[in-house]
Each structure stands twice: as C-alpha cells, then as structure tokens.
Amino acid sequence: MKIVSYLVAAVLAFFGFIFIAGSQGSPLRIVVGVILLAAAAVFVYMVRVKPQPSQTTIVQQVDLSGDVSLEQIKCQNCGGVLDKNSIEIKAGAIFVNCPYCGASYQFEEAPKW
C-alpha cells in the first residue's frame, strides 16, 4: 500500500510541476499545479504518519440462572468457601480451582425443577 501511495504522490507531483512550468502566466494552471503538489504532499504525509493502535477491552460476563452468589459457593471436595479468584472461564465453561485442597473441576449448576 505504501508503494502505491508513493507512486500516486510522485505522479501528482510530476503533473503539478508540469502545470506550473507550462503555465505561461495563466493563473488557472498555476492554481491547478499548486493543488496537485499539495495533494502529493498529503499522500506522502498520510503514508508517513502511523495510526495509533486502538486499544480493545474485552469484558466477559457470565449470567447464572437462579440465586447464586460467590460467597456461598463451596468446594465439592473439601467444603472450603470459594471466592472470585477461584473461578476461571475456559472455552465458555466455568471452572473452579480450590485454593485449600487444590481440587479443579467444572462448575455445573443443578437444575431448578
């Protein structure tokens, strides 16, 4: 893309110089030449200036059905109370890592019926 932009800028600059050199006192040709030179300068400027990378923040939220609060979730292995740092999401599934006994398992919510 840079090479094409530089080529377009070179062609515009060339025609700008041709219009100015061959103006023979015609103000319209001088104006067209200056516009072409300005357009060439804009092309070069656009290629030289690097755009700032955009920063994207991804927030992943999990909606659990029913009344679930993190303070009430207990480890299935040892019964230790789990906090928000014990919950991890992998491939769309909720996994629990118990800090007390080291157990790791997938959290499955029991059906409400």
C-alpha atoms as a PDB file:
ATOM      1  CA  MET A   1       0.000   0.000   0.000  1.00  0.00           C
ATOM      2  CA  LYS A   2       2.901   2.350   0.750  1.00  0.00           C
ATOM      3  CA  ILE A   3       4.432   1.825  -2.673  1.00  0.00           C
ATOM      4  CA  VAL A   4       1.153   2.618  -4.425  1.00  0.00           C
ATOM      5  CA  SER A   5       0.715   5.768  -2.339  1.00  0.00           C
ATOM      6  CA  TYR A   6       4.259   6.914  -3.113  1.00  0.00           C
ATOM      7  CA  LEU A   7       3.687   6.268  -6.832  1.00  0.00           C
ATOM      8  CA  VAL A   8       0.446   8.263  -6.785  1.00  0.00           C
ATOM      9  CA  ALA A   9       2.204  11.088  -4.929  1.00  0.00           C
ATOM     10  CA  ALA A  10       5.045  11.060  -7.488  1.00  0.00           C
ATOM     11  CA  VAL A  11       2.592  11.229 -10.405  1.00  0.00           C
ATOM     12  CA  LEU A  12       0.658  14.078  -8.769  1.00  0.00           C
ATOM     13  CA  ALA A  13       3.873  15.981  -8.046  1.00  0.00           C
ATOM     14  CA  PHE A  14       5.083  15.444 -11.625  1.00  0.00           C
ATOM     15  CA  PHE A  15       1.866  16.824 -13.090  1.00  0.00           C
ATOM     16  CA  GLY A  16       1.915  19.679 -10.559  1.00  0.00           C
ATOM     17  CA  PHE A  17       5.389  20.707 -11.765  1.00  0.00           C
ATOM     18  CA  ILE A  18       4.299  20.338 -15.407  1.00  0.00           C
ATOM     19  CA  PHE A  19       1.287  22.607 -14.824  1.00  0.00           C
ATOM     20  CA  ILE A  20       3.380  25.224 -13.020  1.00  0.00           C
ATOM     21  CA  ALA A  21       6.244  25.112 -15.548  1.00  0.00           C
ATOM     22  CA  GLY A  22       3.914  25.284 -18.534  1.00  0.00           C
ATOM     23  CA  SER A  23       1.551  27.872 -17.117  1.00  0.00           C
ATOM     24  CA  GLN A  24       2.809  30.712 -19.337  1.00  0.00           C
ATOM     25  CA  GLY A  25       1.262  33.223 -16.945  1.00  0.00           C
ATOM     26  CA  SER A  26      -2.134  31.505 -16.737  1.00  0.00           C
ATOM     27  CA  PRO A  27      -3.317  31.728 -13.106  1.00  0.00           C
ATOM     28  CA  LEU A  28      -5.655  28.735 -13.540  1.00  0.00           C
ATOM     29  CA  ARG A  29      -2.744  26.425 -14.457  1.00  0.00           C
ATOM     30  CA  ILE A  30      -0.688  27.711 -11.523  1.00  0.00           C
ATOM     31  CA  VAL A  31      -3.607  27.025  -9.151  1.00  0.00           C
ATOM     32  CA  VAL A  32      -4.067  23.503 -10.578  1.00  0.00           C
ATOM     33  CA  GLY A  33      -0.323  22.867 -10.240  1.00  0.00           C
ATOM     34  CA  VAL A  34      -0.281  24.015  -6.624  1.00  0.00           C
ATOM     35  CA  ILE A  35      -3.328  21.836  -5.839  1.00  0.00           C
ATOM     36  CA  LEU A  36      -1.620  18.815  -7.405  1.00  0.00           C
ATOM     37  CA  LEU A  37       1.566  19.452  -5.397  1.00  0.00           C
ATOM     38  CA  ALA A  38      -0.499  19.803  -2.223  1.00  0.00           C
ATOM     39  CA  ALA A  39      -2.298  16.539  -2.979  1.00  0.00           C
ATOM     40  CA  ALA A  40       1.080  14.823  -3.440  1.00  0.00           C
ATOM     41  CA  ALA A  41       2.242  16.203  -0.101  1.00  0.00           C
ATOM     42  CA  VAL A  42      -0.927  14.916   1.577  1.00  0.00           C
ATOM     43  CA  PHE A  43      -0.344  11.421   0.129  1.00  0.00           C
ATOM     44  CA  VAL A  44       3.218  11.375   1.450  1.00  0.00           C
ATOM     45  CA  TYR A  45       2.086  12.674   4.851  1.00  0.00           C
ATOM     46  CA  MET A  46      -0.643  10.011   5.144  1.00  0.00           C
ATOM     47  CA  VAL A  47       1.862   7.253   4.402  1.00  0.00           C
ATOM     48  CA  ARG A  48       4.472   8.591   6.841  1.00  0.00           C
ATOM     49  CA  VAL A  49       2.104   9.093   9.783  1.00  0.00           C
ATOM     50  CA  LYS A  50       1.429   5.795  11.523  1.00  0.00           C
ATOM     51  CA  PRO A  51      -2.035   5.387  13.002  1.00  0.00           C
ATOM     52  CA  GLN A  52      -2.163   4.799  16.740  1.00  0.00           C
ATOM     53  CA  PRO A  53      -3.234   1.246  17.544  1.00  0.00           C
ATOM     54  CA  SER A  54      -6.652   1.103  19.072  1.00  0.00           C
ATOM     55  CA  GLN A  55      -6.981  -0.492  22.461  1.00  0.00           C
ATOM     56  CA  THR A  56      -9.776  -3.004  22.849  1.00  0.00           C
ATOM     57  CA  THR A  57     -11.032  -4.127  26.216  1.00  0.00           C
ATOM     58  CA  ILE A  58     -12.984  -7.366  26.343  1.00  0.00           C
ATOM     59  CA  VAL A  59     -15.241  -7.937  29.313  1.00  0.00           C
ATOM     60  CA  GLN A  60     -16.643 -11.410  29.719  1.00  0.00           C
ATOM     61  CA  GLN A  61     -19.660 -11.761  31.967  1.00  0.00           C
ATOM     62  CA  VAL A  62     -21.409 -14.947  32.965  1.00  0.00           C
ATOM     63  CA  ASP A  63     -25.095 -14.867  33.811  1.00  0.00           C
ATOM     64  CA  LEU A  64     -26.063 -17.772  36.026  1.00  0.00           C
ATOM     65  CA  SER A  65     -29.712 -18.619  36.371  1.00  0.00           C
ATOM     66  CA  GLY A  66     -31.092 -18.717  39.857  1.00  0.00           C
ATOM     67  CA  ASP A  67     -29.810 -17.115  43.019  1.00  0.00           C
ATOM     68  CA  VAL A  68     -26.072 -17.690  43.032  1.00  0.00           C
ATOM     69  CA  SER A  69     -23.599 -15.602  44.962  1.00  0.00           C
ATOM     70  CA  LEU A  70     -19.880 -16.232  45.117  1.00  0.00           C
ATOM     71  CA  GLU A  71     -19.812 -16.083  48.921  1.00  0.00           C
ATOM     72  CA  GLN A  72     -21.993 -19.205  49.102  1.00  0.00           C
ATOM     73  CA  ILE A  73     -20.096 -21.407  46.642  1.00  0.00           C
ATOM     74  CA  LYS A  74     -18.199 -24.150  48.432  1.00  0.00           C
ATOM     75  CA  CYS A  75     -15.659 -26.646  47.157  1.00  0.00           C
ATOM     76  CA  GLN A  76     -17.208 -30.034  46.310  1.00  0.00           C
ATOM     77  CA  ASN A  77     -14.089 -31.798  47.586  1.00  0.00           C
ATOM     78  CA  CYS A  78     -13.224 -30.125  50.921  1.00  0.00           C
ATOM     79  CA  GLY A  79     -16.143 -27.749  51.563  1.00  0.00           C
ATOM     80  CA  GLY A  80     -13.922 -24.646  51.645  1.00  0.00           C
ATOM     81  CA  VAL A  81     -15.574 -21.321  50.801  1.00  0.00           C
ATOM     82  CA  LEU A  82     -14.517 -20.132  47.338  1.00  0.00           C
ATOM     83  CA  ASP A  83     -14.010 -16.518  46.304  1.00  0.00           C
ATOM     84  CA  LYS A  84     -13.978 -14.787  42.917  1.00  0.00           C
ATOM     85  CA  ASN A  85     -10.296 -15.633  42.373  1.00  0.00           C
ATOM     86  CA  SER A  86     -11.141 -19.342  42.456  1.00  0.00           C
ATOM     87  CA  ILE A  87     -13.423 -19.087  39.417  1.00  0.00           C
ATOM     88  CA  GLU A  88     -11.974 -19.302  35.898  1.00  0.00           C
ATOM     89  CA  ILE A  89     -13.640 -19.398  32.490  1.00  0.00           C
ATOM     90  CA  LYS A  90     -12.153 -21.682  29.834  1.00  0.00           C
ATOM     91  CA  ALA A  91     -13.798 -22.229  26.461  1.00  0.00           C
ATOM     92  CA  GLY A  92     -17.113 -20.867  27.760  1.00  0.00           C
ATOM     93  CA  ALA A  93     -17.266 -23.231  30.751  1.00  0.00           C
ATOM     94  CA  ILE A  94     -16.848 -22.229  34.384  1.00  0.00           C
ATOM     95  CA  PHE A  95     -14.029 -23.998  36.217  1.00  0.00           C
ATOM     96  CA  VAL A  96     -13.327 -23.903  39.953  1.00  0.00           C
ATOM     97  CA  ASN A  97      -9.816 -24.137  41.430  1.00  0.00           C
ATOM     98  CA  CYS A  98      -9.927 -24.673  45.184  1.00  0.00           C
ATOM     99  CA  PRO A  99      -7.109 -22.812  46.967  1.00  0.00           C
ATOM    100  CA  TYR A 100      -7.414 -25.081  50.027  1.00  0.00           C
ATOM    101  CA  CYS A 101      -7.265 -28.628  48.658  1.00  0.00           C
ATOM    102  CA  GLY A 102      -6.091 -27.936  45.079  1.00  0.00           C
ATOM    103  CA  ALA A 103      -9.139 -29.592  43.500  1.00  0.00           C
ATOM    104  CA  SER A 104     -10.043 -28.410  40.000  1.00  0.00           C
ATOM    105  CA  TYR A 105     -13.410 -29.165  38.437  1.00  0.00           C
ATOM    106  CA  GLN A 106     -16.078 -27.716  36.147  1.00  0.00           C
ATOM    107  CA  PHE A 107     -18.887 -25.854  37.892  1.00  0.00           C
ATOM    108  CA  GLU A 108     -22.277 -27.259  36.990  1.00  0.00           C
ATOM    109  CA  GLU A 109     -25.423 -25.635  38.225  1.00  0.00           C
ATOM    110  CA  ALA A 110     -28.118 -28.002  39.376  1.00  0.00           C
ATOM    111  CA  PRO A 111     -31.446 -27.708  37.535  1.00  0.00           C
ATOM    112  CA  LYS A 112     -34.172 -25.825  39.430  1.00  0.00           C
ATOM    113  CA  TRP A 113     -37.033 -28.223  38.718  1.00  0.00           C
END
